[in-house]
Amino acid sequence: MICVRCVVAGRVQGVWYRAATRQQALALGLCGHAVNLPDGRVEVIACGAPQAVATLQEWLWRGPELARVSDVVCEPVEYRAYAGFDTG
């Protein structure tokens, strides 16, 4: 099991990005969170099986229909077993 922290930039707040990320993550069996950052970006922590995490990382570049993603930067972080997937 692995965890990654991704910061997503572009038009990603106010377009259901966090809720859609949660839906995708849960469908992939992942835990973690998606939260708005003060600078307009979204932080995503995703933990679970490596292939599922990789699939979510690819999806983060698309996001929901109204999103316009301009950048996604991910880095590995220490594994932590989150209780579900929060959109804080």
PDB file of N, CA and C in Angstrom:
ATOM      1  N   MET A   1       0.842  -1.183   0.000  1.00  0.00           N
ATOM      2  CA  MET A   1       0.000   0.000   0.000  1.00  0.00           C
ATOM      3  C   MET A   1       0.887   1.246   0.000  1.00  0.00           C
ATOM      4  N   ILE A   2       0.443   2.250  -0.750  1.00  0.00           N
ATOM      5  CA  ILE A   2       1.211   3.495  -0.865  1.00  0.00           C
ATOM      6  C   ILE A   2       0.292   4.692  -0.670  1.00  0.00           C
ATOM      7  N   CYS A   3       0.902   5.850  -0.465  1.00  0.00           N
ATOM      8  CA  CYS A   3       0.178   7.127  -0.415  1.00  0.00           C
ATOM      9  C   CYS A   3       0.913   8.138  -1.280  1.00  0.00           C
ATOM     10  N   VAL A   4       0.139   8.982  -1.961  1.00  0.00           N
ATOM     11  CA  VAL A   4       0.710  10.111  -2.684  1.00  0.00           C
ATOM     12  C   VAL A   4      -0.041  11.378  -2.297  1.00  0.00           C
ATOM     13  N   ARG A   5       0.677  12.486  -2.354  1.00  0.00           N
ATOM     14  CA  ARG A   5       0.080  13.811  -2.179  1.00  0.00           C
ATOM     15  C   ARG A   5       0.169  14.508  -3.522  1.00  0.00           C
ATOM     16  N   CYS A   6      -0.980  14.914  -4.053  1.00  0.00           N
ATOM     17  CA  CYS A   6      -1.016  15.620  -5.334  1.00  0.00           C
ATOM     18  C   CYS A   6      -1.623  16.994  -5.115  1.00  0.00           C
ATOM     19  N   VAL A   7      -1.051  17.978  -5.772  1.00  0.00           N
ATOM     20  CA  VAL A   7      -1.605  19.325  -5.755  1.00  0.00           C
ATOM     21  C   VAL A   7      -2.038  19.630  -7.183  1.00  0.00           C
ATOM     22  N   VAL A   8      -3.330  19.954  -7.318  1.00  0.00           N
ATOM     23  CA  VAL A   8      -3.946  20.137  -8.627  1.00  0.00           C
ATOM     24  C   VAL A   8      -4.246  21.623  -8.829  1.00  0.00           C
ATOM     25  N   ALA A   9      -3.774  22.167  -9.957  1.00  0.00           N
ATOM     26  CA  ALA A   9      -3.964  23.592 -10.258  1.00  0.00           C
ATOM     27  C   ALA A   9      -4.863  23.749 -11.476  1.00  0.00           C
ATOM     28  N   GLY A  10      -5.425  24.938 -11.596  1.00  0.00           N
ATOM     29  CA  GLY A  10      -6.313  25.261 -12.709  1.00  0.00           C
ATOM     30  C   GLY A  10      -7.657  25.687 -12.167  1.00  0.00           C
ATOM     31  N   ARG A  11      -8.692  25.477 -12.949  1.00  0.00           N
ATOM     32  CA  ARG A  11     -10.056  25.777 -12.488  1.00  0.00           C
ATOM     33  C   ARG A  11     -10.574  24.523 -11.787  1.00  0.00           C
ATOM     34  N   VAL A  12     -10.250  24.414 -10.490  1.00  0.00           N
ATOM     35  CA  VAL A  12     -10.566  23.193  -9.753  1.00  0.00           C
ATOM     36  C   VAL A  12     -11.355  23.454  -8.466  1.00  0.00           C
ATOM     37  N   GLN A  13     -11.676  24.704  -8.189  1.00  0.00           N
ATOM     38  CA  GLN A  13     -12.547  25.003  -7.053  1.00  0.00           C
ATOM     39  C   GLN A  13     -13.859  25.546  -7.585  1.00  0.00           C
ATOM     40  N   GLY A  14     -14.954  25.108  -6.951  1.00  0.00           N
ATOM     41  CA  GLY A  14     -16.281  25.543  -7.377  1.00  0.00           C
ATOM     42  C   GLY A  14     -16.813  24.797  -8.594  1.00  0.00           C
ATOM     43  N   VAL A  15     -16.188  23.680  -8.934  1.00  0.00           N
ATOM     44  CA  VAL A  15     -16.613  22.891 -10.113  1.00  0.00           C
ATOM     45  C   VAL A  15     -16.818  21.420  -9.748  1.00  0.00           C
ATOM     46  N   TRP A  16     -17.046  21.125  -8.472  1.00  0.00           N
ATOM     47  CA  TRP A  16     -17.286  19.766  -7.971  1.00  0.00           C
ATOM     48  C   TRP A  16     -16.058  18.881  -8.074  1.00  0.00           C
ATOM     49  N   TYR A  17     -14.872  19.471  -8.100  1.00  0.00           N
ATOM     50  CA  TYR A  17     -13.646  18.681  -8.236  1.00  0.00           C
ATOM     51  C   TYR A  17     -13.435  17.755  -7.036  1.00  0.00           C
ATOM     52  N   ARG A  18     -13.592  18.271  -5.827  1.00  0.00           N
ATOM     53  CA  ARG A  18     -13.380  17.440  -4.638  1.00  0.00           C
ATOM     54  C   ARG A  18     -14.370  16.296  -4.565  1.00  0.00           C
ATOM     55  N   ALA A  19     -15.644  16.574  -4.816  1.00  0.00           N
ATOM     56  CA  ALA A  19     -16.671  15.524  -4.746  1.00  0.00           C
ATOM     57  C   ALA A  19     -16.434  14.452  -5.815  1.00  0.00           C
ATOM     58  N   ALA A  20     -16.070  14.875  -7.009  1.00  0.00           N
ATOM     59  CA  ALA A  20     -15.807  13.920  -8.083  1.00  0.00           C
ATOM     60  C   ALA A  20     -14.559  13.092  -7.783  1.00  0.00           C
ATOM     61  N   THR A  21     -13.557  13.721  -7.178  1.00  0.00           N
ATOM     62  CA  THR A  21     -12.344  12.996  -6.791  1.00  0.00           C
ATOM     63  C   THR A  21     -12.688  11.949  -5.742  1.00  0.00           C
ATOM     64  N   ARG A  22     -13.510  12.321  -4.783  1.00  0.00           N
ATOM     65  CA  ARG A  22     -13.941  11.370  -3.747  1.00  0.00           C
ATOM     66  C   ARG A  22     -14.643  10.185  -4.386  1.00  0.00           C
ATOM     67  N   GLN A  23     -15.545  10.443  -5.312  1.00  0.00           N
ATOM     68  CA  GLN A  23     -16.285   9.370  -5.990  1.00  0.00           C
ATOM     69  C   GLN A  23     -15.325   8.423  -6.713  1.00  0.00           C
ATOM     70  N   GLN A  24     -14.369   8.980  -7.437  1.00  0.00           N
ATOM     71  CA  GLN A  24     -13.386   8.166  -8.154  1.00  0.00           C
ATOM     72  C   GLN A  24     -12.537   7.357  -7.183  1.00  0.00           C
ATOM     73  N   ALA A  25     -12.074   8.003  -6.119  1.00  0.00           N
ATOM     74  CA  ALA A  25     -11.214   7.337  -5.143  1.00  0.00           C
ATOM     75  C   ALA A  25     -11.931   6.167  -4.476  1.00  0.00           C
ATOM     76  N   LEU A  26     -13.162   6.389  -4.058  1.00  0.00           N
ATOM     77  CA  LEU A  26     -13.917   5.315  -3.409  1.00  0.00           C
ATOM     78  C   LEU A  26     -14.172   4.164  -4.369  1.00  0.00           C
ATOM     79  N   ALA A  27     -14.456   4.469  -5.634  1.00  0.00           N
ATOM     80  CA  ALA A  27     -14.671   3.417  -6.631  1.00  0.00           C
ATOM     81  C   ALA A  27     -13.407   2.580  -6.827  1.00  0.00           C
ATOM     82  N   LEU A  28     -12.252   3.198  -6.606  1.00  0.00           N
ATOM     83  CA  LEU A  28     -10.966   2.503  -6.754  1.00  0.00           C
ATOM     84  C   LEU A  28     -10.494   1.860  -5.448  1.00  0.00           C
ATOM     85  N   GLY A  29     -11.265   2.023  -4.375  1.00  0.00           N
ATOM     86  CA  GLY A  29     -10.903   1.432  -3.092  1.00  0.00           C
ATOM     87  C   GLY A  29      -9.830   2.201  -2.346  1.00  0.00           C
ATOM     88  N   LEU A  30      -9.726   3.500  -2.613  1.00  0.00           N
ATOM     89  CA  LEU A  30      -8.703   4.327  -1.982  1.00  0.00           C
ATOM     90  C   LEU A  30      -9.263   5.078  -0.782  1.00  0.00           C
ATOM     91  N   CYS A  31      -8.363   5.510   0.095  1.00  0.00           N
ATOM     92  CA  CYS A  31      -8.732   6.386   1.201  1.00  0.00           C
ATOM     93  C   CYS A  31      -7.851   7.631   1.119  1.00  0.00           C
ATOM     94  N   GLY A  32      -8.226   8.666   1.869  1.00  0.00           N
ATOM     95  CA  GLY A  32      -7.455   9.896   1.861  1.00  0.00           C
ATOM     96  C   GLY A  32      -8.344  11.112   1.953  1.00  0.00           C
ATOM     97  N   HIS A  33      -7.977  12.177   1.224  1.00  0.00           N
ATOM     98  CA  HIS A  33      -8.811  13.384   1.236  1.00  0.00           C
ATOM     99  C   HIS A  33      -8.548  14.243  -0.001  1.00  0.00           C
ATOM    100  N   ALA A  34      -9.476  15.151  -0.242  1.00  0.00           N
ATOM    101  CA  ALA A  34      -9.339  16.195  -1.263  1.00  0.00           C
ATOM    102  C   ALA A  34      -9.828  17.476  -0.612  1.00  0.00           C
ATOM    103  N   VAL A  35      -8.939  18.456  -0.469  1.00  0.00           N
ATOM    104  CA  VAL A  35      -9.291  19.699   0.218  1.00  0.00           C
ATOM    105  C   VAL A  35      -8.852  20.906  -0.610  1.00  0.00           C
ATOM    106  N   ASN A  36      -9.639  21.971  -0.521  1.00  0.00           N
ATOM    107  CA  ASN A  36      -9.280  23.226  -1.178  1.00  0.00           C
ATOM    108  C   ASN A  36      -8.114  23.875  -0.444  1.00  0.00           C
ATOM    109  N   LEU A  37      -7.198  24.435  -1.196  1.00  0.00           N
ATOM    110  CA  LEU A  37      -6.110  25.218  -0.628  1.00  0.00           C
ATOM    111  C   LEU A  37      -6.433  26.700  -0.791  1.00  0.00           C
ATOM    112  N   PRO A  38      -5.908  27.553   0.070  1.00  0.00           N
ATOM    113  CA  PRO A  38      -6.219  28.984   0.010  1.00  0.00           C
ATOM    114  C   PRO A  38      -5.840  29.644  -1.318  1.00  0.00           C
ATOM    115  N   ASP A  39      -4.886  29.083  -2.041  1.00  0.00           N
ATOM    116  CA  ASP A  39      -4.432  29.699  -3.293  1.00  0.00           C
ATOM    117  C   ASP A  39      -5.222  29.244  -4.522  1.00  0.00           C
ATOM    118  N   GLY A  40      -6.318  28.508  -4.323  1.00  0.00           N
ATOM    119  CA  GLY A  40      -7.160  28.096  -5.443  1.00  0.00           C
ATOM    120  C   GLY A  40      -6.870  26.705  -5.972  1.00  0.00           C
ATOM    121  N   ARG A  41      -5.843  26.062  -5.450  1.00  0.00           N
ATOM    122  CA  ARG A  41      -5.536  24.695  -5.865  1.00  0.00           C
ATOM    123  C   ARG A  41      -6.265  23.705  -4.959  1.00  0.00           C
ATOM    124  N   VAL A  42      -6.205  22.422  -5.315  1.00  0.00           N
ATOM    125  CA  VAL A  42      -6.791  21.358  -4.509  1.00  0.00           C
ATOM    126  C   VAL A  42      -5.682  20.375  -4.151  1.00  0.00           C
ATOM    127  N   GLU A  43      -5.618  20.006  -2.870  1.00  0.00           N
ATOM    128  CA  GLU A  43      -4.677  18.982  -2.418  1.00  0.00           C
ATOM    129  C   GLU A  43      -5.422  17.659  -2.318  1.00  0.00           C
ATOM    130  N   VAL A  44      -4.815  16.618  -2.901  1.00  0.00           N
ATOM    131  CA  VAL A  44      -5.383  15.275  -2.841  1.00  0.00           C
ATOM    132  C   VAL A  44      -4.351  14.357  -2.200  1.00  0.00           C
ATOM    133  N   ILE A  45      -4.778  13.660  -1.159  1.00  0.00           N
ATOM    134  CA  ILE A  45      -3.979  12.575  -0.586  1.00  0.00           C
ATOM    135  C   ILE A  45      -4.722  11.295  -0.942  1.00  0.00           C
ATOM    136  N   ALA A  46      -4.037  10.375  -1.597  1.00  0.00           N
ATOM    137  CA  ALA A  46      -4.657   9.113  -1.996  1.00  0.00           C
ATOM    138  C   ALA A  46      -3.792   7.960  -1.521  1.00  0.00           C
ATOM    139  N   CYS A  47      -4.408   7.016  -0.812  1.00  0.00           N
ATOM    140  CA  CYS A  47      -3.688   5.877  -0.251  1.00  0.00           C
ATOM    141  C   CYS A  47      -4.397   4.584  -0.630  1.00  0.00           C
ATOM    142  N   GLY A  48      -3.587   3.593  -0.999  1.00  0.00           N
ATOM    143  CA  GLY A  48      -4.151   2.295  -1.345  1.00  0.00           C
ATOM    144  C   GLY A  48      -3.207   1.512  -2.226  1.00  0.00           C
ATOM    145  N   ALA A  49      -3.766   0.605  -3.003  1.00  0.00           N
ATOM    146  CA  ALA A  49      -2.976  -0.231  -3.897  1.00  0.00           C
ATOM    147  C   ALA A  49      -2.294   0.632  -4.958  1.00  0.00           C
ATOM    148  N   PRO A  50      -1.038   0.335  -5.295  1.00  0.00           N
ATOM    149  CA  PRO A  50      -0.297   1.173  -6.247  1.00  0.00           C
ATOM    150  C   PRO A  50      -1.012   1.399  -7.585  1.00  0.00           C
ATOM    151  N   GLN A  51      -1.620   0.370  -8.160  1.00  0.00           N
ATOM    152  CA  GLN A  51      -2.292   0.536  -9.457  1.00  0.00           C
ATOM    153  C   GLN A  51      -3.512   1.450  -9.328  1.00  0.00           C
ATOM    154  N   ALA A  52      -4.257   1.320  -8.230  1.00  0.00           N
ATOM    155  CA  ALA A  52      -5.426   2.176  -8.011  1.00  0.00           C
ATOM    156  C   ALA A  52      -4.999   3.631  -7.825  1.00  0.00           C
ATOM    157  N   VAL A  53      -3.916   3.845  -7.096  1.00  0.00           N
ATOM    158  CA  VAL A  53      -3.402   5.208  -6.900  1.00  0.00           C
ATOM    159  C   VAL A  53      -2.978   5.788  -8.247  1.00  0.00           C
ATOM    160  N   ALA A  54      -2.300   4.996  -9.067  1.00  0.00           N
ATOM    161  CA  ALA A  54      -1.870   5.459 -10.395  1.00  0.00           C
ATOM    162  C   ALA A  54      -3.066   5.815 -11.267  1.00  0.00           C
ATOM    163  N   THR A  55      -4.127   5.030 -11.194  1.00  0.00           N
ATOM    164  CA  THR A  55      -5.339   5.310 -11.969  1.00  0.00           C
ATOM    165  C   THR A  55      -5.953   6.636 -11.538  1.00  0.00           C
ATOM    166  N   LEU A  56      -6.013   6.882 -10.231  1.00  0.00           N
ATOM    167  CA  LEU A  56      -6.557   8.158  -9.753  1.00  0.00           C
ATOM    168  C   LEU A  56      -5.666   9.312 -10.188  1.00  0.00           C
ATOM    169  N   GLN A  57      -4.355   9.134 -10.134  1.00  0.00           N
ATOM    170  CA  GLN A  57      -3.445  10.204 -10.554  1.00  0.00           C
ATOM    171  C   GLN A  57      -3.707  10.588 -12.016  1.00  0.00           C
ATOM    172  N   GLU A  58      -3.955   9.625 -12.869  1.00  0.00           N
ATOM    173  CA  GLU A  58      -4.289   9.915 -14.269  1.00  0.00           C
ATOM    174  C   GLU A  58      -5.606  10.683 -14.350  1.00  0.00           C
ATOM    175  N   TRP A  59      -6.598  10.269 -13.566  1.00  0.00           N
ATOM    176  CA  TRP A  59      -7.912  10.921 -13.592  1.00  0.00           C
ATOM    177  C   TRP A  59      -7.820  12.372 -13.107  1.00  0.00           C
ATOM    178  N   LEU A  60      -6.916  12.650 -12.168  1.00  0.00           N
ATOM    179  CA  LEU A  60      -6.798  14.012 -11.643  1.00  0.00           C
ATOM    180  C   LEU A  60      -6.530  15.026 -12.755  1.00  0.00           C
ATOM    181  N   TRP A  61      -5.881  14.613 -13.830  1.00  0.00           N
ATOM    182  CA  TRP A  61      -5.622  15.516 -14.965  1.00  0.00           C
ATOM    183  C   TRP A  61      -6.904  15.878 -15.720  1.00  0.00           C
ATOM    184  N   ARG A  62      -7.929  15.042 -15.632  1.00  0.00           N
ATOM    185  CA  ARG A  62      -9.207  15.321 -16.308  1.00  0.00           C
ATOM    186  C   ARG A  62     -10.183  16.011 -15.366  1.00  0.00           C
ATOM    187  N   GLY A  63     -10.434  15.357 -14.222  1.00  0.00           N
ATOM    188  CA  GLY A  63     -11.399  15.889 -13.271  1.00  0.00           C
ATOM    189  C   GLY A  63     -12.809  15.848 -13.828  1.00  0.00           C
ATOM    190  N   PRO A  64     -13.747  16.496 -13.144  1.00  0.00           N
ATOM    191  CA  PRO A  64     -15.132  16.542 -13.619  1.00  0.00           C
ATOM    192  C   PRO A  64     -15.264  17.459 -14.839  1.00  0.00           C
ATOM    193  N   GLU A  65     -16.414  17.426 -15.455  1.00  0.00           N
ATOM    194  CA  GLU A  65     -16.645  18.134 -16.725  1.00  0.00           C
ATOM    195  C   GLU A  65     -16.303  19.622 -16.687  1.00  0.00           C
ATOM    196  N   LEU A  66     -16.645  20.323 -15.619  1.00  0.00           N
ATOM    197  CA  LEU A  66     -16.435  21.770 -15.566  1.00  0.00           C
ATOM    198  C   LEU A  66     -15.014  22.184 -15.183  1.00  0.00           C
ATOM    199  N   ALA A  67     -14.217  21.226 -14.732  1.00  0.00           N
ATOM    200  CA  ALA A  67     -12.844  21.544 -14.317  1.00  0.00           C
ATOM    201  C   ALA A  67     -11.958  21.780 -15.539  1.00  0.00           C
ATOM    202  N   ARG A  68     -10.940  22.609 -15.342  1.00  0.00           N
ATOM    203  CA  ARG A  68      -9.901  22.851 -16.352  1.00  0.00           C
ATOM    204  C   ARG A  68      -8.560  22.736 -15.641  1.00  0.00           C
ATOM    205  N   VAL A  69      -8.003  21.546 -15.648  1.00  0.00           N
ATOM    206  CA  VAL A  69      -6.770  21.271 -14.917  1.00  0.00           C
ATOM    207  C   VAL A  69      -5.579  21.750 -15.735  1.00  0.00           C
ATOM    208  N   SER A  70      -4.711  22.543 -15.108  1.00  0.00           N
ATOM    209  CA  SER A  70      -3.520  23.028 -15.798  1.00  0.00           C
ATOM    210  C   SER A  70      -2.246  22.334 -15.322  1.00  0.00           C
ATOM    211  N   ASP A  71      -2.268  21.754 -14.109  1.00  0.00           N
ATOM    212  CA  ASP A  71      -1.073  21.091 -13.599  1.00  0.00           C
ATOM    213  C   ASP A  71      -1.444  20.154 -12.459  1.00  0.00           C
ATOM    214  N   VAL A  72      -0.721  19.051 -12.380  1.00  0.00           N
ATOM    215  CA  VAL A  72      -0.844  18.107 -11.262  1.00  0.00           C
ATOM    216  C   VAL A  72       0.568  17.723 -10.861  1.00  0.00           C
ATOM    217  N   VAL A  73       0.912  17.982  -9.609  1.00  0.00           N
ATOM    218  CA  VAL A  73       2.235  17.620  -9.093  1.00  0.00           C
ATOM    219  C   VAL A  73       2.018  16.648  -7.942  1.00  0.00           C
ATOM    220  N   CYS A  74       2.603  15.447  -8.067  1.00  0.00           N
ATOM    221  CA  CYS A  74       2.426  14.413  -7.048  1.00  0.00           C
ATOM    222  C   CYS A  74       3.773  14.011  -6.459  1.00  0.00           C
ATOM    223  N   GLU A  75       3.732  13.629  -5.195  1.00  0.00           N
ATOM    224  CA  GLU A  75       4.923  13.140  -4.514  1.00  0.00           C
ATOM    225  C   GLU A  75       4.493  12.045  -3.543  1.00  0.00           C
ATOM    226  N   PRO A  76       5.340  11.032  -3.351  1.00  0.00           N
ATOM    227  CA  PRO A  76       5.007  10.000  -2.368  1.00  0.00           C
ATOM    228  C   PRO A  76       5.077  10.569  -0.959  1.00  0.00           C
ATOM    229  N   VAL A  77       4.188  10.102  -0.107  1.00  0.00           N
ATOM    230  CA  VAL A  77       4.206  10.467   1.306  1.00  0.00           C
ATOM    231  C   VAL A  77       4.071   9.181   2.116  1.00  0.00           C
ATOM    232  N   GLU A  78       4.361   9.285   3.392  1.00  0.00           N
ATOM    233  CA  GLU A  78       4.285   8.120   4.266  1.00  0.00           C
ATOM    234  C   GLU A  78       2.873   7.557   4.277  1.00  0.00           C
ATOM    235  N   TYR A  79       2.759   6.235   4.228  1.00  0.00           N
ATOM    236  CA  TYR A  79       1.443   5.592   4.221  1.00  0.00           C
ATOM    237  C   TYR A  79       0.709   5.855   5.529  1.00  0.00           C
ATOM    238  N   ARG A  80      -0.559   6.134   5.400  1.00  0.00           N
ATOM    239  CA  ARG A  80      -1.430   6.333   6.556  1.00  0.00           C
ATOM    240  C   ARG A  80      -2.802   5.777   6.187  1.00  0.00           C
ATOM    241  N   ALA A  81      -3.383   4.999   7.057  1.00  0.00           N
ATOM    242  CA  ALA A  81      -4.702   4.414   6.806  1.00  0.00           C
ATOM    243  C   ALA A  81      -5.778   5.427   7.217  1.00  0.00           C
ATOM    244  N   TYR A  82      -6.278   6.177   6.260  1.00  0.00           N
ATOM    245  CA  TYR A  82      -7.362   7.132   6.517  1.00  0.00           C
ATOM    246  C   TYR A  82      -8.682   6.365   6.654  1.00  0.00           C
ATOM    247  N   ALA A  83      -9.614   6.933   7.380  1.00  0.00           N
ATOM    248  CA  ALA A  83     -10.947   6.352   7.497  1.00  0.00           C
ATOM    249  C   ALA A  83     -11.799   6.929   6.373  1.00  0.00           C
ATOM    250  N   GLY A  84     -11.864   6.250   5.244  1.00  0.00           N
ATOM    251  CA  GLY A  84     -12.651   6.720   4.117  1.00  0.00           C
ATOM    252  C   GLY A  84     -11.926   7.766   3.305  1.00  0.00           C
ATOM    253  N   PHE A  85     -12.705   8.604   2.612  1.00  0.00           N
ATOM    254  CA  PHE A  85     -12.129   9.654   1.772  1.00  0.00           C
ATOM    255  C   PHE A  85     -12.894  10.934   2.057  1.00  0.00           C
ATOM    256  N   ASP A  86     -12.229  11.890   2.671  1.00  0.00           N
ATOM    257  CA  ASP A  86     -12.844  13.134   3.139  1.00  0.00           C
ATOM    258  C   ASP A  86     -12.686  14.251   2.107  1.00  0.00           C
ATOM    259  N   THR A  87     -13.660  15.136   2.057  1.00  0.00           N
ATOM    260  CA  THR A  87     -13.559  16.308   1.181  1.00  0.00           C
ATOM    261  C   THR A  87     -13.526  17.587   2.003  1.00  0.00           C
ATOM    262  N   GLY A  88     -13.106  17.465   3.264  1.00  0.00           N
ATOM    263  CA  GLY A  88     -12.910  18.507   4.247  1.00  0.00           C
ATOM    264  C   GLY A  88     -13.207  19.856   3.847  1.00  0.00           C
TER     265      GLY A  88
END
